[in-house]
Amino acid sequence: MTALTAPITIRMSYADDEPTIIRLAALDSSRVPPNPVMLAEVDGEARAALSLRDGSVVADPFHLTADLVALLKTHAQATSEREPMPRPRYRLRLA
C-alpha cells in the first residue's frame, strides 16, 4: 500500500502505547510529551504524537509527518471545543 492510500488513524493513547511514544520521542530527539497524548497512525504504525496538555509534538523523522501533525492539531482542537461530558455522580450508601 502506498503512503497516499494507507489508512490514517487518529486516537487517544493508552498505557500500553508508552513504549511507542518513547520511541517516537527518541527518534525525534525530543522529550516524551506529557499525557494525555493523541496518536496519529499510518497503516497501524504510530508516526506522530501530540500532548493535549502542552501541545508538544514528537514525530518519526523518517516519514513525512507535517500533514499528520496538522491532523492531530485539528482533531485536538475540535475535541477540546466540544462541551465537556458531565461527570457521573457517585452516591455512598450508608450501612
N, C-alpha and C. Protein backbone atom coordinates (compact mmCIF):
# COMPACT_ATOMS: atom_id res chain seq x y z
N MET A 1 0.84 -1.17 0.00
CA MET A 1 0.00 0.00 0.00
C MET A 1 0.90 1.24 0.00
N THR A 2 0.58 2.21 -0.81
CA THR A 2 1.39 3.42 -0.86
C THR A 2 0.99 4.38 0.25
N ALA A 3 1.86 5.34 0.52
CA ALA A 3 1.60 6.32 1.57
C ALA A 3 0.34 7.12 1.28
N LEU A 4 -0.01 7.27 0.00
CA LEU A 4 -1.18 8.07 -0.35
C LEU A 4 -2.48 7.34 -0.08
N THR A 5 -2.44 6.02 0.00
CA THR A 5 -3.67 5.26 0.21
C THR A 5 -3.70 4.51 1.53
N ALA A 6 -2.67 4.63 2.34
CA ALA A 6 -2.64 3.94 3.62
C ALA A 6 -3.64 4.57 4.58
N PRO A 7 -4.34 3.74 5.36
CA PRO A 7 -5.30 4.28 6.31
C PRO A 7 -4.61 5.05 7.43
N ILE A 8 -5.22 6.17 7.81
CA ILE A 8 -4.71 7.01 8.91
C ILE A 8 -5.70 6.91 10.06
N THR A 9 -5.17 6.69 11.25
CA THR A 9 -5.99 6.61 12.45
C THR A 9 -5.52 7.68 13.43
N ILE A 10 -6.44 8.48 13.94
CA ILE A 10 -6.16 9.45 14.99
C ILE A 10 -6.89 8.93 16.22
N ARG A 11 -6.14 8.74 17.32
CA ARG A 11 -6.77 8.19 18.52
C ARG A 11 -6.02 8.63 19.76
N MET A 12 -6.69 8.50 20.89
CA MET A 12 -6.04 8.76 22.17
C MET A 12 -5.12 7.58 22.49
N SER A 13 -4.02 7.88 23.15
CA SER A 13 -3.10 6.82 23.52
C SER A 13 -3.60 6.10 24.77
N TYR A 14 -3.13 4.88 24.93
CA TYR A 14 -3.41 4.06 26.09
C TYR A 14 -2.10 3.81 26.83
N ALA A 15 -2.19 3.24 28.01
CA ALA A 15 -0.99 2.97 28.81
C ALA A 15 0.00 2.09 28.05
N ASP A 16 -0.49 1.14 27.28
CA ASP A 16 0.42 0.24 26.56
C ASP A 16 1.06 0.91 25.34
N ASP A 17 0.68 2.15 25.04
CA ASP A 17 1.32 2.91 23.95
C ASP A 17 2.58 3.65 24.42
N GLU A 18 2.86 3.61 25.70
CA GLU A 18 4.01 4.35 26.24
C GLU A 18 5.33 4.00 25.55
N PRO A 19 5.66 2.72 25.31
CA PRO A 19 6.90 2.42 24.60
C PRO A 19 6.95 3.03 23.19
N THR A 20 5.81 3.05 22.53
CA THR A 20 5.74 3.63 21.19
C THR A 20 6.01 5.13 21.24
N ILE A 21 5.42 5.82 22.21
CA ILE A 21 5.61 7.26 22.35
C ILE A 21 7.06 7.57 22.73
N ILE A 22 7.64 6.75 23.58
CA ILE A 22 9.06 6.91 23.95
C ILE A 22 9.94 6.72 22.73
N ARG A 23 9.60 5.74 21.88
CA ARG A 23 10.37 5.50 20.66
C ARG A 23 10.28 6.70 19.72
N LEU A 24 9.07 7.25 19.54
CA LEU A 24 8.91 8.43 18.69
C LEU A 24 9.73 9.61 19.22
N ALA A 25 9.70 9.79 20.54
CA ALA A 25 10.46 10.90 21.14
C ALA A 25 11.96 10.69 20.93
N ALA A 26 12.43 9.46 21.04
CA ALA A 26 13.86 9.18 20.82
C ALA A 26 14.24 9.43 19.37
N LEU A 27 13.40 8.99 18.44
CA LEU A 27 13.68 9.23 17.02
C LEU A 27 13.71 10.73 16.72
N ASP A 28 12.84 11.48 17.39
CA ASP A 28 12.71 12.92 17.16
C ASP A 28 13.71 13.73 18.00
N SER A 29 14.52 13.04 18.81
CA SER A 29 15.46 13.71 19.72
C SER A 29 14.75 14.75 20.59
N SER A 30 13.59 14.35 21.11
CA SER A 30 12.77 15.24 21.93
C SER A 30 12.38 14.55 23.22
N ARG A 31 11.82 15.34 24.12
CA ARG A 31 11.28 14.78 25.36
C ARG A 31 9.96 14.08 25.08
N VAL A 32 9.63 13.14 25.93
CA VAL A 32 8.36 12.45 25.82
C VAL A 32 7.25 13.44 26.17
N PRO A 33 6.25 13.58 25.31
CA PRO A 33 5.18 14.54 25.61
C PRO A 33 4.35 14.08 26.79
N PRO A 34 3.92 15.03 27.63
CA PRO A 34 3.12 14.65 28.81
C PRO A 34 1.71 14.21 28.42
N ASN A 35 1.16 13.30 29.21
CA ASN A 35 -0.20 12.80 28.99
C ASN A 35 -1.22 13.87 29.32
N PRO A 36 -2.37 13.80 28.70
CA PRO A 36 -2.85 12.85 27.72
C PRO A 36 -2.24 13.12 26.34
N VAL A 37 -2.07 12.04 25.58
CA VAL A 37 -1.43 12.12 24.26
C VAL A 37 -2.36 11.54 23.21
N MET A 38 -2.42 12.22 22.07
CA MET A 38 -3.17 11.75 20.92
C MET A 38 -2.16 11.24 19.88
N LEU A 39 -2.45 10.09 19.28
CA LEU A 39 -1.55 9.47 18.31
C LEU A 39 -2.11 9.53 16.90
N ALA A 40 -1.20 9.66 15.94
CA ALA A 40 -1.54 9.51 14.52
C ALA A 40 -0.82 8.27 14.03
N GLU A 41 -1.58 7.33 13.49
CA GLU A 41 -1.02 6.10 12.97
C GLU A 41 -1.28 6.01 11.47
N VAL A 42 -0.31 5.51 10.75
CA VAL A 42 -0.47 5.26 9.32
C VAL A 42 -0.33 3.76 9.13
N ASP A 43 -1.38 3.16 8.63
CA ASP A 43 -1.41 1.71 8.41
C ASP A 43 -1.02 0.95 9.68
N GLY A 44 -1.50 1.45 10.84
CA GLY A 44 -1.24 0.78 12.11
C GLY A 44 0.07 1.11 12.78
N GLU A 45 0.90 1.94 12.15
CA GLU A 45 2.20 2.31 12.73
C GLU A 45 2.17 3.75 13.21
N ALA A 46 2.49 3.97 14.50
CA ALA A 46 2.50 5.32 15.07
C ALA A 46 3.56 6.16 14.39
N ARG A 47 3.15 7.33 13.93
CA ARG A 47 4.07 8.23 13.24
C ARG A 47 4.22 9.57 13.95
N ALA A 48 3.22 9.98 14.74
CA ALA A 48 3.30 11.27 15.43
C ALA A 48 2.43 11.22 16.67
N ALA A 49 2.81 12.03 17.66
CA ALA A 49 2.06 12.10 18.91
C ALA A 49 2.00 13.56 19.35
N LEU A 50 0.85 13.95 19.89
CA LEU A 50 0.59 15.31 20.33
C LEU A 50 0.11 15.29 21.76
N SER A 51 0.76 16.06 22.62
CA SER A 51 0.30 16.19 24.00
C SER A 51 -0.87 17.15 24.05
N LEU A 52 -1.97 16.73 24.65
CA LEU A 52 -3.12 17.61 24.82
C LEU A 52 -2.92 18.54 26.01
N ARG A 53 -1.91 18.26 26.82
CA ARG A 53 -1.63 19.11 27.98
C ARG A 53 -0.88 20.37 27.57
N ASP A 54 0.21 20.20 26.80
CA ASP A 54 1.03 21.38 26.48
C ASP A 54 1.25 21.61 24.98
N GLY A 55 0.68 20.75 24.15
CA GLY A 55 0.79 20.93 22.70
C GLY A 55 2.10 20.46 22.10
N SER A 56 2.97 19.84 22.89
CA SER A 56 4.24 19.36 22.34
C SER A 56 3.99 18.17 21.41
N VAL A 57 4.85 18.08 20.41
CA VAL A 57 4.69 17.06 19.36
C VAL A 57 6.00 16.29 19.21
N VAL A 58 5.89 14.99 18.99
CA VAL A 58 7.02 14.17 18.56
C VAL A 58 6.56 13.42 17.32
N ALA A 59 7.48 13.25 16.37
CA ALA A 59 7.12 12.59 15.12
C ALA A 59 8.32 11.82 14.57
N ASP A 60 8.01 10.81 13.78
CA ASP A 60 9.04 9.98 13.16
C ASP A 60 9.71 10.78 12.03
N PRO A 61 11.00 11.09 12.18
CA PRO A 61 11.68 11.91 11.17
C PRO A 61 11.97 11.17 9.86
N PHE A 62 11.73 9.87 9.84
CA PHE A 62 11.99 9.09 8.64
C PHE A 62 10.78 8.99 7.71
N HIS A 63 9.71 9.71 8.09
CA HIS A 63 8.49 9.75 7.28
C HIS A 63 8.02 11.19 7.20
N LEU A 64 7.24 11.49 6.18
CA LEU A 64 6.65 12.82 6.06
C LEU A 64 5.49 12.89 7.06
N THR A 65 5.61 13.78 8.03
CA THR A 65 4.62 13.81 9.11
C THR A 65 3.95 15.17 9.30
N ALA A 66 4.31 16.18 8.52
CA ALA A 66 3.73 17.52 8.72
C ALA A 66 2.20 17.48 8.60
N ASP A 67 1.69 16.74 7.62
CA ASP A 67 0.24 16.65 7.45
C ASP A 67 -0.41 15.89 8.61
N LEU A 68 0.28 14.88 9.12
CA LEU A 68 -0.24 14.13 10.27
C LEU A 68 -0.32 15.01 11.51
N VAL A 69 0.71 15.82 11.72
CA VAL A 69 0.73 16.74 12.87
C VAL A 69 -0.41 17.74 12.72
N ALA A 70 -0.64 18.24 11.53
CA ALA A 70 -1.75 19.17 11.30
C ALA A 70 -3.08 18.49 11.60
N LEU A 71 -3.24 17.23 11.19
CA LEU A 71 -4.46 16.48 11.51
C LEU A 71 -4.63 16.31 13.02
N LEU A 72 -3.54 15.98 13.70
CA LEU A 72 -3.60 15.84 15.16
C LEU A 72 -4.06 17.14 15.81
N LYS A 73 -3.47 18.26 15.39
CA LYS A 73 -3.83 19.55 15.99
C LYS A 73 -5.27 19.92 15.69
N THR A 74 -5.73 19.66 14.48
CA THR A 74 -7.12 19.95 14.13
C THR A 74 -8.07 19.09 14.95
N HIS A 75 -7.75 17.81 15.06
CA HIS A 75 -8.60 16.90 15.82
C HIS A 75 -8.61 17.28 17.30
N ALA A 76 -7.45 17.63 17.84
CA ALA A 76 -7.36 18.02 19.25
C ALA A 76 -8.19 19.27 19.52
N GLN A 77 -8.12 20.23 18.61
CA GLN A 77 -8.88 21.47 18.77
C GLN A 77 -10.38 21.18 18.70
N ALA A 78 -10.78 20.37 17.75
CA ALA A 78 -12.20 20.03 17.63
C ALA A 78 -12.69 19.27 18.86
N THR A 79 -11.86 18.42 19.40
CA THR A 79 -12.22 17.66 20.58
C THR A 79 -12.36 18.57 21.80
N SER A 80 -11.46 19.54 21.93
CA SER A 80 -11.50 20.42 23.10
C SER A 80 -12.64 21.42 23.02
N GLU A 81 -13.17 21.69 21.83
CA GLU A 81 -14.26 22.64 21.68
C GLU A 81 -15.62 22.03 22.01
N ARG A 82 -15.68 20.72 22.06
CA ARG A 82 -16.93 20.06 22.44
C ARG A 82 -17.23 20.37 23.89
N GLU A 83 -18.51 20.33 24.21
CA GLU A 83 -18.88 20.52 25.61
C GLU A 83 -18.35 19.35 26.43
N PRO A 84 -17.79 19.66 27.58
CA PRO A 84 -17.31 18.55 28.41
C PRO A 84 -18.48 17.69 28.86
N MET A 85 -18.21 16.40 28.91
CA MET A 85 -19.24 15.48 29.36
C MET A 85 -19.43 15.65 30.86
N PRO A 86 -20.67 15.59 31.33
CA PRO A 86 -20.88 15.72 32.77
C PRO A 86 -20.26 14.54 33.50
N ARG A 87 -19.72 14.84 34.64
CA ARG A 87 -19.12 13.78 35.45
C ARG A 87 -20.22 12.95 36.10
N PRO A 88 -20.01 11.65 36.17
CA PRO A 88 -21.03 10.84 36.85
C PRO A 88 -21.04 11.16 38.33
N ARG A 89 -22.22 11.10 38.89
CA ARG A 89 -22.35 11.35 40.33
C ARG A 89 -22.36 10.02 41.05
N TYR A 90 -21.55 9.95 42.05
CA TYR A 90 -21.47 8.73 42.85
C TYR A 90 -22.13 9.00 44.20
N ARG A 91 -22.88 8.06 44.62
CA ARG A 91 -23.53 8.18 45.93
C ARG A 91 -23.00 7.07 46.83
N LEU A 92 -22.74 7.46 48.02
CA LEU A 92 -22.30 6.49 49.02
C LEU A 92 -23.52 6.02 49.80
N ARG A 93 -23.59 4.75 49.95
CA ARG A 93 -24.68 4.19 50.77
C ARG A 93 -24.17 3.98 52.18
N LEU A 94 -24.92 4.46 53.09
CA LEU A 94 -24.58 4.24 54.50
C LEU A 94 -25.09 2.88 54.93
N ALA A 95 -24.25 2.17 55.61
CA ALA A 95 -24.64 0.83 56.04
C ALA A 95 -25.45 0.85 57.29
